[in-house]
Protein backbone atom coordinates (compact mmCIF):
# COMPACT_ATOMS: atom_id res chain seq x y z
CA MET A 1 121.22 -69.63 119.32
CA LYS A 2 121.81 -66.97 116.69
CA GLN A 3 118.30 -66.39 115.41
CA GLU A 4 114.83 -65.58 116.63
CA LYS A 5 112.82 -68.47 118.11
CA ILE A 6 109.06 -68.14 118.49
CA ILE A 7 107.73 -70.07 121.49
CA LYS A 8 104.41 -70.65 123.22
CA VAL A 9 103.98 -70.49 126.97
CA SER A 10 101.22 -71.41 129.40
CA SER A 11 97.98 -69.51 129.52
CA GLY A 12 97.79 -67.04 132.38
CA TYR A 13 94.16 -67.88 133.01
CA LEU A 14 94.96 -71.51 133.83
CA MET A 15 97.54 -70.36 136.36
CA LEU A 16 95.03 -67.94 137.86
CA PHE A 17 92.74 -70.89 138.44
CA ALA A 18 95.67 -72.77 140.03
CA LEU A 19 96.34 -69.78 142.31
CA ALA A 20 92.67 -69.75 143.30
CA VAL A 21 93.08 -73.39 144.36
CA PHE A 22 96.22 -72.43 146.31
CA ILE A 23 94.34 -69.70 148.12
CA ALA A 24 91.47 -72.05 148.99
CA THR A 25 93.99 -74.61 150.26
CA ILE A 26 95.82 -71.96 152.30
CA ILE A 27 92.56 -70.88 153.91
CA TYR A 28 91.74 -74.49 154.67
CA GLY A 29 95.19 -75.00 156.20
CA ILE A 30 94.75 -71.93 158.37
CA THR A 31 91.39 -73.15 159.63
CA GLN A 32 92.98 -76.51 160.43
CA GLU A 33 96.00 -74.78 161.97
CA ASN A 34 98.33 -76.89 159.85
CA PRO A 35 101.57 -74.94 159.14
CA PHE A 36 102.96 -77.77 156.98
CA ILE A 37 100.32 -76.96 154.38
CA VAL A 38 100.06 -73.18 154.79
CA ILE A 39 103.73 -72.15 154.72
CA PRO A 40 104.79 -74.11 151.56
CA LEU A 41 101.69 -72.94 149.71
CA ILE A 42 102.28 -69.31 150.65
CA VAL A 43 105.88 -69.52 149.42
CA LEU A 44 104.72 -71.21 146.22
CA PHE A 45 101.98 -68.60 145.76
CA ILE A 46 104.45 -65.70 146.09
CA ALA A 47 106.98 -67.38 143.77
CA THR A 48 104.32 -67.99 141.11
CA ILE A 49 103.09 -64.41 140.77
CA PRO A 50 106.17 -63.00 138.86
CA GLY A 51 105.52 -65.53 136.12
CA PHE A 52 102.47 -63.63 134.81
CA PHE A 53 102.91 -61.22 131.91
CA LEU A 54 100.95 -59.53 129.14
CA VAL A 55 101.77 -59.32 125.45
CA ASN A 56 99.87 -56.44 123.87
CA PRO A 57 99.05 -56.30 120.13
CA ASN A 58 102.15 -55.60 117.99
CA THR A 59 104.51 -56.12 120.91
CA SER A 60 106.65 -59.05 121.98
CA LYS A 61 108.45 -60.49 125.01
CA VAL A 62 111.98 -61.83 124.80
CA LEU A 63 112.55 -64.50 127.49
CA LEU A 64 115.95 -65.09 129.10
CA LEU A 65 117.00 -67.60 131.75
CA PHE A 66 120.27 -66.70 133.48
CA GLY A 67 121.59 -65.03 130.31
CA LYS A 68 120.41 -67.79 127.96
CA TYR A 69 117.94 -66.89 125.23
CA ILE A 70 114.82 -69.06 125.58
CA GLY A 71 112.59 -67.59 122.89
CA THR A 72 110.21 -64.81 121.92
CA VAL A 73 106.46 -64.58 122.50
CA LYS A 74 104.77 -62.51 119.78
CA GLU A 75 101.14 -63.61 120.03
CA ASN A 76 99.22 -61.14 122.15
CA GLY A 77 97.47 -62.36 125.29
CA PHE A 78 97.81 -63.11 129.00
CA TYR A 79 100.50 -65.68 129.80
CA TRP A 80 102.47 -67.36 132.54
CA ALA A 81 106.03 -68.61 132.24
CA ASN A 82 108.85 -69.65 134.54
CA PRO A 83 109.12 -66.93 137.21
CA LEU A 84 112.89 -67.03 136.81
CA TYR A 85 112.62 -65.88 133.20
CA ARG A 86 113.70 -62.34 132.53
CA LYS A 87 111.14 -60.78 130.23
CA ARG A 88 112.18 -57.94 127.92
CA GLY A 89 109.51 -56.17 125.93
CA ILE A 90 110.21 -55.14 122.32
CA SER A 91 107.67 -53.22 120.28
CA LEU A 92 106.79 -54.53 116.82
CA ARG A 93 104.89 -51.39 115.84
CA ALA A 94 105.96 -49.17 112.95
CA SER A 95 107.92 -46.14 114.14
CA ASN A 96 108.70 -42.82 112.51
CA PHE A 97 112.10 -41.19 112.68
CA ASP A 98 112.64 -37.64 111.41
CA SER A 99 116.36 -36.95 111.47
CA GLU A 100 117.92 -33.60 112.22
CA ARG A 101 118.99 -31.39 109.35
CA VAL A 102 122.69 -31.96 108.75
CA LYS A 103 125.11 -29.97 106.61
CA VAL A 104 127.01 -32.08 104.08
CA ASN A 105 128.72 -31.56 100.74
CA ASP A 106 127.04 -32.87 97.62
CA LYS A 107 128.87 -34.55 94.73
CA LEU A 108 130.01 -31.17 93.40
CA GLY A 109 131.26 -30.02 96.79
CA ASN A 110 128.41 -27.59 97.45
CA PRO A 111 127.24 -27.46 101.08
CA ILE A 112 123.61 -28.50 101.46
CA MET A 113 121.19 -29.08 104.34
CA ILE A 114 119.45 -32.45 104.27
CA SER A 115 117.31 -34.63 106.52
CA THR A 116 115.50 -37.95 106.13
CA ILE A 117 112.17 -39.41 107.23
CA LEU A 118 112.30 -43.11 108.04
CA VAL A 119 109.48 -45.55 108.80
CA TRP A 120 110.79 -48.74 110.41
CA ARG A 121 109.88 -51.62 112.71
CA VAL A 122 111.55 -54.54 114.44
CA LYS A 123 111.38 -57.74 112.39
CA ASP A 124 113.85 -59.99 114.25
CA THR A 125 113.67 -59.58 118.03
CA PHE A 126 116.82 -61.64 118.65
CA LYS A 127 118.99 -59.31 116.53
CA ALA A 128 117.35 -56.20 117.96
CA ALA A 129 117.89 -57.40 121.53
CA PHE A 130 121.35 -58.95 121.34
CA ASP A 131 123.21 -58.00 118.13
CA VAL A 132 123.26 -54.26 118.90
CA ASP A 133 123.51 -52.39 122.17
CA ASN A 134 120.48 -50.12 121.69
CA TYR A 135 118.52 -50.70 118.50
CA GLU A 136 116.66 -47.37 118.63
CA ASN A 137 119.90 -45.41 118.93
CA PHE A 138 121.37 -47.66 116.22
CA VAL A 139 118.57 -46.58 113.86
CA ARG A 140 119.29 -42.89 114.54
CA VAL A 141 123.04 -43.16 114.04
CA GLN A 142 122.85 -45.29 110.90
CA SER A 143 120.17 -43.04 109.38
CA ASP A 144 122.46 -40.06 109.85
CA ALA A 145 125.38 -41.93 108.29
CA ALA A 146 123.27 -43.13 105.34
CA VAL A 147 121.93 -39.68 104.49
CA ARG A 148 125.44 -38.21 104.63
CA LYS A 149 126.71 -40.87 102.24
CA LEU A 150 123.74 -40.43 99.92
CA ALA A 151 124.18 -36.65 99.73
CA SER A 152 127.78 -37.08 98.60
CA LEU A 153 126.77 -39.40 95.72
CA TYR A 154 124.50 -36.95 93.89
CA PRO A 155 124.71 -33.27 93.00
CA TYR A 156 121.97 -31.09 94.43
CA ASP A 157 121.21 -29.74 90.97
CA ASN A 158 122.86 -29.72 87.55
CA PHE A 159 123.45 -26.82 85.20
CA LYS A 160 124.33 -28.72 82.05
CA ASP A 161 123.49 -27.33 78.66
CA GLU A 162 120.24 -28.52 77.14
CA GLY A 163 120.66 -31.49 74.89
CA LYS A 164 123.15 -33.28 77.08
CA GLU A 165 122.19 -36.33 79.07
CA GLU A 166 120.56 -35.31 82.33
CA GLU A 167 122.24 -36.45 85.54
CA ILE A 168 120.36 -37.76 88.58
CA THR A 169 120.17 -34.98 91.14
CA SER A 170 118.91 -34.84 94.70
CA ARG A 171 116.44 -32.06 93.90
CA ALA A 172 114.96 -33.30 90.63
CA SER A 173 115.19 -37.09 90.98
CA VAL A 174 113.31 -37.53 94.25
CA ASN A 175 112.06 -41.06 93.55
CA GLU A 176 115.45 -42.40 92.47
CA VAL A 177 117.24 -40.83 95.43
CA SER A 178 114.62 -42.09 97.89
CA GLU A 179 114.95 -45.62 96.50
CA ALA A 180 118.72 -45.45 96.89
CA LEU A 181 118.32 -44.16 100.46
CA GLU A 182 115.86 -46.93 101.33
CA LYS A 183 118.22 -49.59 99.96
CA GLU A 184 121.19 -48.14 101.85
CA LEU A 185 119.26 -48.03 105.12
CA ALA A 186 117.89 -51.56 104.66
CA GLU A 187 121.44 -52.88 104.33
CA ARG A 188 122.70 -50.95 107.35
CA LEU A 189 119.79 -51.83 109.65
CA SER A 190 119.43 -55.50 108.71
CA MET A 191 122.07 -56.50 111.27
CA ALA A 192 119.83 -55.10 114.00
CA GLY A 193 116.74 -56.98 112.78
CA ILE A 194 115.14 -53.74 111.57
CA GLU A 195 112.81 -53.68 108.56
CA VAL A 196 112.72 -50.42 106.57
CA LEU A 197 109.15 -49.71 105.48
CA GLU A 198 109.81 -46.35 103.84
CA ALA A 199 112.63 -43.85 103.56
CA ARG A 200 112.57 -40.48 101.84
CA ILE A 201 114.23 -37.08 101.91
CA GLY A 202 112.45 -34.84 104.42
CA TYR A 203 114.30 -31.58 103.82
CA LEU A 204 116.73 -30.52 101.11
CA ALA A 205 118.20 -27.08 100.42
CA TYR A 206 121.45 -25.30 99.82
CA ALA A 207 123.27 -24.20 102.95
CA GLN A 208 122.58 -20.60 103.95
CA GLU A 209 126.01 -19.29 102.98
CA ILE A 210 125.54 -20.18 99.29
CA ALA A 211 121.75 -20.17 99.00
CA ASN A 212 121.54 -16.63 97.51
CA ALA A 213 124.32 -17.23 95.00
CA MET A 214 122.77 -20.52 93.85
CA LEU A 215 119.34 -18.90 93.55
CA LYS A 216 120.79 -16.25 91.24
CA ARG A 217 122.49 -18.98 89.23
CA GLN A 218 119.24 -20.91 88.89
CA GLN A 219 117.40 -17.74 87.84
CA ALA A 220 120.09 -16.93 85.27
CA THR A 221 119.92 -20.47 83.88
CA ALA A 222 116.14 -20.22 83.62
CA ILE A 223 116.35 -16.86 81.84
CA VAL A 224 118.90 -18.18 79.34
CA ALA A 225 116.76 -21.26 78.66
CA ALA A 226 113.67 -19.08 78.18
CA ARG A 227 115.53 -16.75 75.79
CA HIS A 228 116.75 -19.75 73.84
CA LYS A 229 113.17 -20.91 73.33
CA ILE A 230 112.04 -17.40 72.38
CA VAL A 231 114.78 -17.05 69.75
CA GLU A 232 113.96 -20.47 68.29
CA GLY A 233 110.31 -19.51 68.02
CA ALA A 234 111.08 -16.08 66.56
CA VAL A 235 113.33 -17.53 63.85
CA SER A 236 110.60 -20.01 62.90
CA MET A 237 107.99 -17.25 62.72
CA VAL A 238 110.22 -14.99 60.57
CA GLU A 239 110.97 -17.87 58.23
CA MET A 240 107.27 -18.66 57.94
CA ALA A 241 106.43 -15.00 57.27
CA LEU A 242 108.98 -14.73 54.46
CA GLU A 243 107.78 -18.00 52.91
CA GLU A 244 104.12 -16.93 53.00
CA LEU A 245 104.86 -13.51 51.53
CA SER A 246 106.85 -15.08 48.73
CA LYS A 247 104.32 -17.85 48.08
CA LYS A 248 101.28 -15.54 47.88
CA GLU A 249 103.23 -12.82 46.05
CA ILE A 250 101.87 -10.16 48.36
CA VAL A 251 104.98 -8.06 48.07
CA GLU A 252 108.33 -8.50 46.35
CA LEU A 253 111.26 -7.99 48.67
CA ASP A 254 114.85 -7.58 47.69
CA GLU A 255 117.68 -8.66 49.96
CA GLU A 256 117.89 -5.26 51.64
CA ARG A 257 114.19 -5.20 52.46
CA LYS A 258 114.27 -8.81 53.66
CA ALA A 259 117.12 -7.95 56.03
CA ALA A 260 115.21 -4.95 57.37
CA MET A 261 112.06 -7.02 57.83
CA VAL A 262 113.93 -9.80 59.59
CA SER A 263 115.59 -7.28 61.88
CA ASN A 264 112.30 -5.64 62.80
CA LEU A 265 110.48 -8.92 63.36
CA MET A 266 113.28 -10.30 65.55
CA VAL A 267 113.23 -7.14 67.67
CA ILE A 268 109.46 -7.33 68.07
CA LEU A 269 109.34 -11.06 68.82
CA CYS A 270 112.37 -11.22 71.14
CA SER A 271 111.85 -8.01 73.06
CA ASP A 272 110.58 -8.31 76.64
CA LYS A 273 108.91 -4.89 76.35
CA GLU A 274 106.15 -3.53 74.16
CA VAL A 275 107.44 -2.24 70.84
CA ALA A 276 106.40 1.23 69.62
CA PRO A 277 105.70 1.14 65.87
CA VAL A 278 107.44 3.64 63.59
CA LEU A 279 105.68 4.66 60.38
CA ASN A 280 107.98 5.07 57.43
CA THR A 281 106.44 7.35 54.79
CA GLY A 282 109.40 7.27 52.48
CA THR A 283 111.82 4.62 51.29
CA LEU A 284 114.25 2.60 53.34
CA ASN A 285 117.01 5.07 52.52
CA HIS A 286 115.08 8.30 53.15
């Protein structure tokens, strides 16, 4: 037997009725002072009691007889089975696992702190009970191994120049990374009969020793990108101003005046501080 087998066992209520008959018979035997009836029934009564068991909603009982797998009872209710059966309860409820934050190196070799949140449940009770030693500990260990592997496959962040193809990163591509993590965990936990309901990154950050340096790098990258946009916009505005002045013939500018105007406009548009105007009452050369 290498797979789960769902079985049905006797109703516990029918056996309770049978025990009530035993008790009535025992009482009758006592009144008649007949030990040949009383003693066997008492022994049978005591031997029958361990056969009762409950299966609560979203739980199961794995039944064993002298080391042999008999089957699994998943339907909730009150039952009776062979008193010699060993009954092992396995929960079928969804469970949450929030892993500890571990320090690993990302694809670029930068140390990061990462943890995962996993929602799982037992799907195959045979595999959970017999294919692994402790399925709950197996989930913890394999989750830790999966998140370490995942962290090494992606960079935490990229600093490529704009215009180049963007790379999947742990910080920016949360959905893609979570899907990869869920797939990796599903493959690892399938041998234990575990179904992965959801897996996602719970915590992600640079390790403390490089956090400040990486923050400065991110800020510098953001500033450069912002300046790039400002310069692009300023050039477009200067070009538009020169075209409009020329089209409407508001003023005629020679090359020297155009250069001066472009210089002034670029300073005004690209400066991060307020510009103080200077009134020129003469010519450009005086």
